Amino acid sequence: METILSVFLGIGLSASVGFRVFLPLFALSLAAYFNVWELNESWQWIGSITAVITLGIATLVEIVAYYIPVVDNLLDSIAIPLATIAGTAIMVSTVADLSPVITWALAIIAGGGTAAAVKSSASATRVGSTVSTAGFGNPIVSTVETGTSVVMTIVSIFLPILAIILVLFIFYLIYKLYKKMRPNRPKSS
């Protein structure tokens, strides 16, 4: 059961990384520091005071930067690969009692894939906001993304089973958004 919960934690935090890259890492660092979650041996450094402070500063800088016009879109352009890497790292650090091959496969597919899918959708939302509101709606998008990241992170750490349900709901919303935005193709006879 511990292994399943650790996988759910990793997937939930990976989805959260899709909204804000550093916030879930900071929360995981705090959780490790206060012994709420035990990380893999090679990832114990995430729970160090140095990591807590560094990730805390990075989180604050990232959140503030998303409220600066033009910088928010610039951040989104580099955030997809960063989110993929962070999602993979989170999965590797949280998964317990699995062989390294299975751990890394899960990390790349479930962690990195989840983070990339969520970040891609969030980036598309910001582009849509920029185009439709000349950027004036972007602070609202930033606030929703940060809030969603906070909620997903807290739920993932304290209720990982609920987190996996929320991730599935997010994927459902992404699918619905994709279907809505996809141009209708004419039917051939």
N, C-alpha and C. Protein backbone atom coordinates (compact mmCIF):
# COMPACT_ATOMS: atom_id res chain seq x y z
N MET A 1 0.83 -1.20 0.00
CA MET A 1 0.00 0.00 0.00
C MET A 1 0.87 1.26 0.00
N GLU A 2 2.00 1.20 0.71
CA GLU A 2 2.90 2.35 0.75
C GLU A 2 3.43 2.70 -0.64
N THR A 3 3.71 1.68 -1.43
CA THR A 3 4.21 1.89 -2.79
C THR A 3 3.15 2.57 -3.64
N ILE A 4 1.91 2.10 -3.56
CA ILE A 4 0.82 2.70 -4.33
C ILE A 4 0.61 4.15 -3.92
N LEU A 5 0.62 4.42 -2.62
CA LEU A 5 0.46 5.79 -2.15
C LEU A 5 1.60 6.68 -2.63
N SER A 6 2.82 6.13 -2.65
CA SER A 6 3.96 6.93 -3.11
C SER A 6 3.84 7.24 -4.61
N VAL A 7 3.29 6.31 -5.38
CA VAL A 7 3.05 6.56 -6.81
C VAL A 7 1.97 7.64 -6.97
N PHE A 8 0.89 7.53 -6.20
CA PHE A 8 -0.17 8.55 -6.25
C PHE A 8 0.36 9.92 -5.86
N LEU A 9 1.21 9.96 -4.83
CA LEU A 9 1.83 11.22 -4.41
C LEU A 9 2.63 11.80 -5.57
N GLY A 10 3.45 10.98 -6.20
CA GLY A 10 4.28 11.45 -7.31
C GLY A 10 3.46 11.96 -8.47
N ILE A 11 2.41 11.25 -8.83
CA ILE A 11 1.56 11.69 -9.95
C ILE A 11 0.84 12.99 -9.59
N GLY A 12 0.32 13.07 -8.38
CA GLY A 12 -0.37 14.29 -7.95
C GLY A 12 0.56 15.50 -7.95
N LEU A 13 1.76 15.33 -7.42
CA LEU A 13 2.72 16.43 -7.41
C LEU A 13 3.19 16.76 -8.83
N SER A 14 3.29 15.76 -9.68
CA SER A 14 3.67 16.00 -11.07
C SER A 14 2.62 16.84 -11.79
N ALA A 15 1.36 16.56 -11.53
CA ALA A 15 0.29 17.39 -12.12
C ALA A 15 0.39 18.81 -11.59
N SER A 16 0.69 18.94 -10.33
CA SER A 16 0.85 20.27 -9.72
C SER A 16 2.01 21.03 -10.34
N VAL A 17 3.08 20.30 -10.68
CA VAL A 17 4.24 20.91 -11.35
C VAL A 17 3.83 21.52 -12.68
N GLY A 18 2.80 20.96 -13.31
CA GLY A 18 2.31 21.51 -14.56
C GLY A 18 1.73 22.90 -14.43
N PHE A 19 1.35 23.28 -13.22
CA PHE A 19 0.84 24.63 -13.00
C PHE A 19 1.93 25.58 -12.48
N ARG A 20 2.76 25.10 -11.58
CA ARG A 20 3.90 25.86 -11.04
C ARG A 20 5.03 24.87 -10.80
N VAL A 21 6.16 25.11 -11.40
CA VAL A 21 7.27 24.16 -11.36
C VAL A 21 7.85 24.02 -9.95
N PHE A 22 8.08 25.12 -9.27
CA PHE A 22 8.81 25.04 -8.00
C PHE A 22 7.92 24.83 -6.78
N LEU A 23 6.68 25.22 -6.83
CA LEU A 23 5.81 25.10 -5.65
C LEU A 23 5.69 23.67 -5.13
N PRO A 24 5.41 22.67 -5.98
CA PRO A 24 5.34 21.29 -5.47
C PRO A 24 6.69 20.78 -4.96
N LEU A 25 7.77 21.20 -5.61
CA LEU A 25 9.11 20.81 -5.13
C LEU A 25 9.37 21.40 -3.75
N PHE A 26 8.97 22.65 -3.56
CA PHE A 26 9.12 23.29 -2.25
C PHE A 26 8.28 22.58 -1.19
N ALA A 27 7.05 22.25 -1.54
CA ALA A 27 6.17 21.55 -0.60
C ALA A 27 6.72 20.17 -0.27
N LEU A 28 7.24 19.46 -1.28
CA LEU A 28 7.84 18.15 -1.03
C LEU A 28 9.06 18.29 -0.13
N SER A 29 9.82 19.35 -0.36
CA SER A 29 10.98 19.62 0.48
C SER A 29 10.56 19.84 1.93
N LEU A 30 9.51 20.63 2.13
CA LEU A 30 8.98 20.85 3.48
C LEU A 30 8.46 19.55 4.10
N ALA A 31 7.75 18.75 3.29
CA ALA A 31 7.21 17.48 3.78
C ALA A 31 8.33 16.54 4.20
N ALA A 32 9.41 16.52 3.44
CA ALA A 32 10.56 15.68 3.80
C ALA A 32 11.26 16.24 5.03
N TYR A 33 11.41 17.55 5.10
CA TYR A 33 12.08 18.19 6.24
C TYR A 33 11.35 17.90 7.55
N PHE A 34 10.01 17.96 7.51
CA PHE A 34 9.21 17.72 8.71
C PHE A 34 8.77 16.26 8.86
N ASN A 35 9.39 15.36 8.08
CA ASN A 35 9.14 13.91 8.14
C ASN A 35 7.69 13.52 7.91
N VAL A 36 7.01 14.28 7.05
CA VAL A 36 5.65 13.91 6.65
C VAL A 36 5.71 12.79 5.61
N TRP A 37 6.69 12.89 4.68
CA TRP A 37 6.94 11.86 3.68
C TRP A 37 8.40 11.50 3.70
N GLU A 38 8.67 10.21 3.57
CA GLU A 38 10.05 9.75 3.49
C GLU A 38 10.39 9.56 2.01
N LEU A 39 11.51 10.14 1.61
CA LEU A 39 11.93 10.06 0.21
C LEU A 39 12.94 8.95 0.02
N ASN A 40 13.18 8.59 -1.25
CA ASN A 40 14.22 7.60 -1.56
C ASN A 40 15.55 8.07 -0.99
N GLU A 41 16.41 7.12 -0.67
CA GLU A 41 17.69 7.44 -0.03
C GLU A 41 18.50 8.46 -0.80
N SER A 42 18.58 8.32 -2.11
CA SER A 42 19.40 9.24 -2.90
C SER A 42 18.76 10.62 -3.06
N TRP A 43 17.53 10.78 -2.60
CA TRP A 43 16.84 12.06 -2.71
C TRP A 43 16.60 12.72 -1.35
N GLN A 44 17.27 12.24 -0.32
CA GLN A 44 17.10 12.80 1.02
C GLN A 44 17.48 14.28 1.10
N TRP A 45 18.38 14.71 0.22
CA TRP A 45 18.83 16.10 0.21
C TRP A 45 17.69 17.09 0.01
N ILE A 46 16.59 16.65 -0.61
CA ILE A 46 15.44 17.54 -0.82
C ILE A 46 14.88 18.02 0.52
N GLY A 47 15.03 17.23 1.56
CA GLY A 47 14.53 17.60 2.87
C GLY A 47 15.51 18.42 3.70
N SER A 48 16.63 18.82 3.12
CA SER A 48 17.61 19.63 3.86
C SER A 48 17.14 21.08 3.97
N ILE A 49 17.64 21.78 4.97
CA ILE A 49 17.27 23.19 5.16
C ILE A 49 17.72 24.03 3.97
N THR A 50 18.85 23.67 3.36
CA THR A 50 19.33 24.39 2.18
C THR A 50 18.34 24.25 1.03
N ALA A 51 17.85 23.05 0.81
CA ALA A 51 16.86 22.82 -0.25
C ALA A 51 15.56 23.54 0.05
N VAL A 52 15.12 23.51 1.31
CA VAL A 52 13.89 24.19 1.69
C VAL A 52 13.99 25.69 1.37
N ILE A 53 15.09 26.31 1.77
CA ILE A 53 15.26 27.75 1.54
C ILE A 53 15.38 28.05 0.04
N THR A 54 16.20 27.29 -0.66
CA THR A 54 16.40 27.52 -2.09
C THR A 54 15.11 27.34 -2.87
N LEU A 55 14.39 26.26 -2.62
CA LEU A 55 13.13 26.01 -3.32
C LEU A 55 12.05 27.01 -2.91
N GLY A 56 12.09 27.47 -1.66
CA GLY A 56 11.14 28.49 -1.21
C GLY A 56 11.34 29.81 -1.96
N ILE A 57 12.58 30.21 -2.11
CA ILE A 57 12.89 31.44 -2.86
C ILE A 57 12.50 31.28 -4.33
N ALA A 58 12.85 30.14 -4.91
CA ALA A 58 12.50 29.89 -6.31
C ALA A 58 10.98 29.92 -6.51
N THR A 59 10.24 29.39 -5.55
CA THR A 59 8.77 29.39 -5.62
C THR A 59 8.23 30.81 -5.62
N LEU A 60 8.72 31.64 -4.70
CA LEU A 60 8.26 33.03 -4.64
C LEU A 60 8.59 33.80 -5.91
N VAL A 61 9.80 33.61 -6.43
CA VAL A 61 10.21 34.29 -7.66
C VAL A 61 9.31 33.85 -8.82
N GLU A 62 9.06 32.55 -8.92
CA GLU A 62 8.22 32.05 -10.01
C GLU A 62 6.80 32.60 -9.94
N ILE A 63 6.21 32.59 -8.76
CA ILE A 63 4.84 33.08 -8.60
C ILE A 63 4.76 34.56 -8.98
N VAL A 64 5.69 35.37 -8.49
CA VAL A 64 5.69 36.80 -8.80
C VAL A 64 5.94 37.02 -10.30
N ALA A 65 6.85 36.28 -10.88
CA ALA A 65 7.19 36.46 -12.30
C ALA A 65 5.99 36.21 -13.21
N TYR A 66 5.10 35.33 -12.82
CA TYR A 66 3.93 35.06 -13.65
C TYR A 66 2.93 36.22 -13.66
N TYR A 67 3.12 37.20 -12.81
CA TYR A 67 2.26 38.39 -12.81
C TYR A 67 2.86 39.54 -13.61
N ILE A 68 4.01 39.35 -14.18
CA ILE A 68 4.67 40.39 -14.96
C ILE A 68 4.36 40.15 -16.44
N PRO A 69 3.73 41.14 -17.11
CA PRO A 69 3.40 40.96 -18.54
C PRO A 69 4.65 40.64 -19.36
N VAL A 70 4.50 39.87 -20.36
CA VAL A 70 5.53 39.38 -21.27
C VAL A 70 6.38 38.30 -20.60
N VAL A 71 6.79 38.52 -19.36
CA VAL A 71 7.59 37.53 -18.64
C VAL A 71 6.78 36.25 -18.46
N ASP A 72 5.47 36.38 -18.21
CA ASP A 72 4.63 35.19 -18.03
C ASP A 72 4.65 34.30 -19.27
N ASN A 73 4.52 34.89 -20.45
CA ASN A 73 4.57 34.09 -21.67
C ASN A 73 5.97 33.54 -21.94
N LEU A 74 6.98 34.31 -21.60
CA LEU A 74 8.36 33.84 -21.74
C LEU A 74 8.61 32.63 -20.83
N LEU A 75 8.13 32.72 -19.59
CA LEU A 75 8.26 31.60 -18.66
C LEU A 75 7.55 30.35 -19.20
N ASP A 76 6.37 30.54 -19.77
CA ASP A 76 5.66 29.39 -20.32
C ASP A 76 6.43 28.72 -21.44
N SER A 77 7.19 29.49 -22.20
CA SER A 77 7.93 28.90 -23.30
C SER A 77 9.06 27.98 -22.82
N ILE A 78 9.60 28.25 -21.65
CA ILE A 78 10.66 27.37 -21.11
C ILE A 78 10.15 26.40 -20.06
N ALA A 79 8.92 26.61 -19.61
CA ALA A 79 8.40 25.82 -18.49
C ALA A 79 8.00 24.40 -18.86
N ILE A 80 7.66 24.14 -20.12
CA ILE A 80 7.23 22.77 -20.48
C ILE A 80 8.38 21.78 -20.27
N PRO A 81 9.59 22.04 -20.81
CA PRO A 81 10.67 21.08 -20.52
C PRO A 81 11.05 21.05 -19.05
N LEU A 82 11.01 22.21 -18.38
CA LEU A 82 11.32 22.23 -16.94
C LEU A 82 10.30 21.43 -16.15
N ALA A 83 9.03 21.58 -16.49
CA ALA A 83 7.98 20.83 -15.79
C ALA A 83 8.14 19.33 -16.02
N THR A 84 8.52 18.95 -17.23
CA THR A 84 8.73 17.53 -17.54
C THR A 84 9.86 16.96 -16.68
N ILE A 85 10.94 17.70 -16.59
CA ILE A 85 12.08 17.27 -15.76
C ILE A 85 11.69 17.22 -14.28
N ALA A 86 11.00 18.27 -13.81
CA ALA A 86 10.60 18.32 -12.40
C ALA A 86 9.60 17.21 -12.08
N GLY A 87 8.65 16.94 -12.98
CA GLY A 87 7.69 15.86 -12.76
C GLY A 87 8.37 14.50 -12.68
N THR A 88 9.37 14.31 -13.54
CA THR A 88 10.14 13.07 -13.51
C THR A 88 10.91 12.96 -12.20
N ALA A 89 11.56 14.04 -11.79
CA ALA A 89 12.34 14.03 -10.54
C ALA A 89 11.45 13.78 -9.33
N ILE A 90 10.28 14.38 -9.31
CA ILE A 90 9.36 14.16 -8.18
C ILE A 90 8.96 12.70 -8.09
N MET A 91 8.64 12.08 -9.23
CA MET A 91 8.26 10.67 -9.20
C MET A 91 9.41 9.80 -8.71
N VAL A 92 10.61 10.06 -9.20
CA VAL A 92 11.76 9.26 -8.77
C VAL A 92 11.99 9.41 -7.27
N SER A 93 11.83 10.62 -6.77
CA SER A 93 12.11 10.86 -5.35
C SER A 93 11.06 10.28 -4.41
N THR A 94 9.83 10.11 -4.90
CA THR A 94 8.75 9.67 -4.00
C THR A 94 8.44 8.18 -4.08
N VAL A 95 8.68 7.55 -5.22
CA VAL A 95 8.30 6.15 -5.39
C VAL A 95 9.13 5.26 -4.45
N ALA A 96 8.43 4.42 -3.72
CA ALA A 96 9.09 3.57 -2.73
C ALA A 96 9.00 2.09 -3.12
N ASP A 97 10.03 1.36 -2.81
CA ASP A 97 10.05 -0.10 -2.90
C ASP A 97 9.82 -0.69 -4.29
N LEU A 98 10.31 -0.02 -5.31
CA LEU A 98 10.24 -0.59 -6.66
C LEU A 98 11.66 -0.65 -7.23
N SER A 99 11.85 -1.53 -8.20
CA SER A 99 13.17 -1.62 -8.82
C SER A 99 13.47 -0.32 -9.57
N PRO A 100 14.74 0.00 -9.74
CA PRO A 100 15.09 1.23 -10.45
C PRO A 100 14.51 1.31 -11.86
N VAL A 101 14.43 0.20 -12.56
CA VAL A 101 13.88 0.21 -13.92
C VAL A 101 12.41 0.63 -13.90
N ILE A 102 11.64 0.04 -13.02
CA ILE A 102 10.22 0.38 -12.92
C ILE A 102 10.06 1.81 -12.40
N THR A 103 10.87 2.20 -11.43
CA THR A 103 10.80 3.55 -10.88
C THR A 103 11.04 4.59 -11.98
N TRP A 104 12.11 4.41 -12.76
CA TRP A 104 12.43 5.38 -13.81
C TRP A 104 11.40 5.36 -14.93
N ALA A 105 10.88 4.19 -15.27
CA ALA A 105 9.84 4.12 -16.31
C ALA A 105 8.59 4.88 -15.85
N LEU A 106 8.19 4.64 -14.60
CA LEU A 106 7.05 5.37 -14.03
C LEU A 106 7.33 6.86 -13.99
N ALA A 107 8.53 7.21 -13.59
CA ALA A 107 8.90 8.62 -13.45
C ALA A 107 8.81 9.35 -14.79
N ILE A 108 9.35 8.72 -15.82
CA ILE A 108 9.36 9.37 -17.13
C ILE A 108 7.96 9.43 -17.73
N ILE A 109 7.24 8.31 -17.66
CA ILE A 109 5.92 8.24 -18.29
C ILE A 109 4.86 8.97 -17.45
N ALA A 110 4.71 8.55 -16.20
CA ALA A 110 3.65 9.11 -15.36
C ALA A 110 4.02 10.49 -14.82
N GLY A 111 5.23 10.64 -14.32
CA GLY A 111 5.63 11.92 -13.74
C GLY A 111 5.87 12.99 -14.79
N GLY A 112 6.81 12.72 -15.67
CA GLY A 112 7.13 13.69 -16.72
C GLY A 112 5.98 13.90 -17.68
N GLY A 113 5.31 12.82 -18.05
CA GLY A 113 4.17 12.92 -18.96
C GLY A 113 3.01 13.72 -18.39
N THR A 114 2.69 13.48 -17.13
CA THR A 114 1.61 14.23 -16.47
C THR A 114 1.96 15.71 -16.40
N ALA A 115 3.17 16.02 -15.95
CA ALA A 115 3.59 17.42 -15.84
C ALA A 115 3.57 18.11 -17.19
N ALA A 116 4.07 17.44 -18.23
CA ALA A 116 4.11 18.04 -19.57
C ALA A 116 2.70 18.27 -20.12
N ALA A 117 1.81 17.31 -19.92
CA ALA A 117 0.44 17.47 -20.42
C ALA A 117 -0.27 18.63 -19.74
N VAL A 118 -0.13 18.71 -18.43
CA VAL A 118 -0.79 19.80 -17.69
C VAL A 118 -0.17 21.14 -18.07
N LYS A 119 1.17 21.20 -18.14
CA LYS A 119 1.84 22.47 -18.46
C LYS A 119 1.51 22.92 -19.87
N SER A 120 1.44 22.00 -20.81
CA SER A 120 1.08 22.35 -22.19
C SER A 120 -0.32 22.97 -22.25
N SER A 121 -1.24 22.39 -21.52
CA SER A 121 -2.61 22.92 -21.49
C SER A 121 -2.65 24.28 -20.80
N ALA A 122 -1.91 24.42 -19.71
CA ALA A 122 -1.86 25.70 -19.01
C ALA A 122 -1.25 26.78 -19.90
N SER A 123 -0.22 26.42 -20.64
CA SER A 123 0.42 27.37 -21.56
C SER A 123 -0.54 27.79 -22.67
N ALA A 124 -1.29 26.84 -23.19
CA ALA A 124 -2.28 27.15 -24.23
C ALA A 124 -3.36 28.08 -23.68
N THR A 125 -3.74 27.89 -22.43
CA THR A 125 -4.72 28.78 -21.80
C THR A 125 -4.17 30.19 -21.70
N ARG A 126 -2.90 30.33 -21.32
CA ARG A 126 -2.29 31.65 -21.20
C ARG A 126 -2.21 32.33 -22.57
N VAL A 127 -1.84 31.57 -23.61
CA VAL A 127 -1.78 32.14 -24.96
C VAL A 127 -3.17 32.62 -25.37
N GLY A 128 -4.18 31.81 -25.09
CA GLY A 128 -5.56 32.20 -25.40
C GLY A 128 -5.96 33.46 -24.66
N SER A 129 -5.56 33.55 -23.41
CA SER A 129 -5.86 34.74 -22.61
C SER A 129 -5.12 35.96 -23.16
N THR A 130 -3.88 35.77 -23.54
CA THR A 130 -3.09 36.88 -24.09
C THR A 130 -3.73 37.40 -25.37
N VAL A 131 -4.13 36.49 -26.24
CA VAL A 131 -4.72 36.89 -27.52
C VAL A 131 -6.09 37.53 -27.33
N SER A 132 -6.93 36.92 -26.50
CA SER A 132 -8.31 37.39 -26.37
C SER A 132 -8.47 38.61 -25.45
N THR A 133 -7.53 38.83 -24.53
CA THR A 133 -7.68 39.97 -23.60
C THR A 133 -6.50 40.94 -23.67
N ALA A 134 -5.64 40.77 -24.66
CA ALA A 134 -4.42 41.59 -24.80
C ALA A 134 -3.55 41.48 -23.54
N GLY A 135 -3.64 40.36 -22.87
CA GLY A 135 -2.80 40.12 -21.69
C GLY A 135 -3.42 40.58 -20.38
N PHE A 136 -4.54 41.30 -20.44
CA PHE A 136 -5.15 41.79 -19.19
C PHE A 136 -5.77 40.67 -18.36
N GLY A 137 -6.11 39.56 -18.99
CA GLY A 137 -6.67 38.42 -18.26
C GLY A 137 -5.61 37.50 -17.69
N ASN A 138 -4.36 37.71 -18.06
CA ASN A 138 -3.29 36.80 -17.61
C ASN A 138 -3.10 36.75 -16.10
N PRO A 139 -3.25 37.87 -15.37
CA PRO A 139 -3.13 37.74 -13.90
C PRO A 139 -4.20 36.82 -13.30
N ILE A 140 -5.37 36.79 -13.90
CA ILE A 140 -6.42 35.89 -13.43
C ILE A 140 -6.00 34.45 -13.70
N VAL A 141 -5.48 34.20 -14.91
CA VAL A 141 -4.99 32.86 -15.25
C VAL A 141 -3.88 32.46 -14.28
N SER A 142 -2.97 33.37 -13.99
CA SER A 142 -1.86 33.08 -13.06
C SER A 142 -2.37 32.74 -11.67
N THR A 143 -3.36 33.48 -11.22
CA THR A 143 -3.92 33.23 -9.88
C THR A 143 -4.59 31.86 -9.83
N VAL A 144 -5.34 31.51 -10.87
CA VAL A 144 -6.01 30.21 -10.91
C VAL A 144 -4.97 29.08 -10.96
N GLU A 145 -3.93 29.26 -11.77
CA GLU A 145 -2.88 28.24 -11.86
C GLU A 145 -2.17 28.06 -10.53
N THR A 146 -1.81 29.15 -9.88
CA THR A 146 -1.12 29.06 -8.58
C THR A 146 -2.03 28.41 -7.55
N GLY A 147 -3.29 28.83 -7.52
CA GLY A 147 -4.24 28.24 -6.57
C GLY A 147 -4.43 26.75 -6.81
N THR A 148 -4.53 26.36 -8.07
CA THR A 148 -4.68 24.94 -8.40
C THR A 148 -3.44 24.16 -7.99
N SER A 149 -2.27 24.75 -8.21
CA SER A 149 -1.03 24.09 -7.80
C SER A 149 -0.97 23.92 -6.29
N VAL A 150 -1.38 24.93 -5.55
CA VAL A 150 -1.38 24.85 -4.08
C VAL A 150 -2.32 23.73 -3.61
N VAL A 151 -3.54 23.74 -4.15
CA VAL A 151 -4.54 22.73 -3.74
C VAL A 151 -4.06 21.33 -4.10
N MET A 152 -3.59 21.15 -5.35
CA MET A 152 -3.12 19.83 -5.79
C MET A 152 -1.94 19.36 -4.94
N THR A 153 -1.05 20.27 -4.60
CA THR A 153 0.12 19.91 -3.79
C THR A 153 -0.30 19.47 -2.40
N ILE A 154 -1.16 20.23 -1.76
CA ILE A 154 -1.60 19.89 -0.40
C ILE A 154 -2.36 18.57 -0.40
N VAL A 155 -3.27 18.41 -1.36
CA VAL A 155 -4.03 17.16 -1.45
C VAL A 155 -3.09 15.99 -1.71
N SER A 156 -2.12 16.18 -2.60
CA SER A 156 -1.18 15.10 -2.93
C SER A 156 -0.39 14.64 -1.71
N ILE A 157 0.05 15.59 -0.91
CA ILE A 157 0.88 15.24 0.25
C ILE A 157 0.05 14.59 1.35
N PHE A 158 -1.15 15.09 1.59
CA PHE A 158 -1.92 14.59 2.72
C PHE A 158 -3.01 13.57 2.36
N LEU A 159 -3.49 13.58 1.11
CA LEU A 159 -4.53 12.65 0.67
C LEU A 159 -4.21 12.15 -0.74
N PRO A 160 -3.15 11.35 -0.89
CA PRO A 160 -2.74 10.95 -2.23
C PRO A 160 -3.79 10.20 -3.05
N ILE A 161 -4.69 9.49 -2.39
CA ILE A 161 -5.75 8.78 -3.13
C ILE A 161 -6.69 9.80 -3.77
N LEU A 162 -7.04 10.85 -3.06
CA LEU A 162 -7.86 11.92 -3.63
C LEU A 162 -7.10 12.64 -4.73
N ALA A 163 -5.80 12.77 -4.59
CA ALA A 163 -4.98 13.45 -5.59
C ALA A 163 -5.06 12.75 -6.94
N ILE A 164 -5.02 11.43 -6.95
CA ILE A 164 -5.08 10.71 -8.23
C ILE A 164 -6.44 10.92 -8.89
N ILE A 165 -7.49 11.03 -8.08
CA ILE A 165 -8.82 11.32 -8.62
C ILE A 165 -8.85 12.72 -9.23
N LEU A 166 -8.24 13.68 -8.54
CA LEU A 166 -8.16 15.05 -9.07
C LEU A 166 -7.34 15.10 -10.36
N VAL A 167 -6.28 14.33 -10.44
CA VAL A 167 -5.47 14.28 -11.67
C VAL A 167 -6.32 13.75 -12.83
N LEU A 168 -7.07 12.70 -12.58
CA LEU A 168 -7.95 12.16 -13.63
C LEU A 168 -8.99 13.20 -14.05
N PHE A 169 -9.50 13.97 -13.10
CA PHE A 169 -10.45 15.04 -13.41
C PHE A 169 -9.79 16.13 -14.24
N ILE A 170 -8.55 16.49 -13.90
CA ILE A 170 -7.81 17.48 -14.69
C ILE A 170 -7.61 16.99 -16.11
N PHE A 171 -7.24 15.72 -16.26
CA PHE A 171 -7.08 15.16 -17.61
C PHE A 171 -8.40 15.17 -18.38
N TYR A 172 -9.49 14.92 -17.69
CA TYR A 172 -10.81 15.00 -18.32
C TYR A 172 -11.07 16.42 -18.82
N LEU A 173 -10.76 17.42 -17.99
CA LEU A 173 -10.95 18.81 -18.39
C LEU A 173 -10.06 19.18 -19.57
N ILE A 174 -8.83 18.70 -19.55
CA ILE A 174 -7.91 18.94 -20.67
C ILE A 174 -8.48 18.34 -21.95
N TYR A 175 -8.99 17.13 -21.85
CA TYR A 175 -9.58 16.47 -23.01
C TYR A 175 -10.77 17.27 -23.54
N LYS A 176 -11.64 17.72 -22.66
CA LYS A 176 -12.81 18.50 -23.06
C LYS A 176 -12.37 19.82 -23.71
N LEU A 177 -11.36 20.46 -23.16
CA LEU A 177 -10.84 21.70 -23.72
C LEU A 177 -10.25 21.45 -25.10
N TYR A 178 -9.52 20.37 -25.25
CA TYR A 178 -8.94 20.01 -26.54
C TYR A 178 -10.04 19.78 -27.57
N LYS A 179 -11.06 19.04 -27.20
CA LYS A 179 -12.17 18.76 -28.12
C LYS A 179 -12.88 20.05 -28.52
N LYS A 180 -13.00 20.97 -27.60
CA LYS A 180 -13.69 22.23 -27.86
C LYS A 180 -12.87 23.13 -28.78
N MET A 181 -11.54 23.12 -28.60
CA MET A 181 -10.67 24.00 -29.36
C MET A 181 -10.29 23.41 -30.72
N ARG A 182 -10.37 22.11 -30.88
CA ARG A 182 -9.98 21.46 -32.12
C ARG A 182 -10.95 21.85 -33.22
N PRO A 183 -10.42 22.27 -34.37
CA PRO A 183 -11.32 22.66 -35.45
C PRO A 183 -12.14 21.46 -35.93
N ASN A 184 -13.39 21.73 -36.26
CA ASN A 184 -14.25 20.65 -36.78
C ASN A 184 -13.82 20.31 -38.18
N ARG A 185 -13.62 19.06 -38.43
CA ARG A 185 -13.25 18.59 -39.75
C ARG A 185 -14.51 18.24 -40.53
N PRO A 186 -14.54 18.64 -41.77
CA PRO A 186 -15.74 18.28 -42.55
C PRO A 186 -15.78 16.76 -42.76
N LYS A 187 -16.99 16.24 -42.72
CA LYS A 187 -17.16 14.80 -42.91
C LYS A 187 -17.06 14.49 -44.41
N SER A 188 -16.32 13.45 -44.70
CA SER A 188 -16.21 13.03 -46.11
C SER A 188 -17.30 12.00 -46.42
N SER A 189 -17.76 12.03 -47.65
CA SER A 189 -18.83 11.10 -47.99
C SER A 189 -18.34 9.83 -48.60
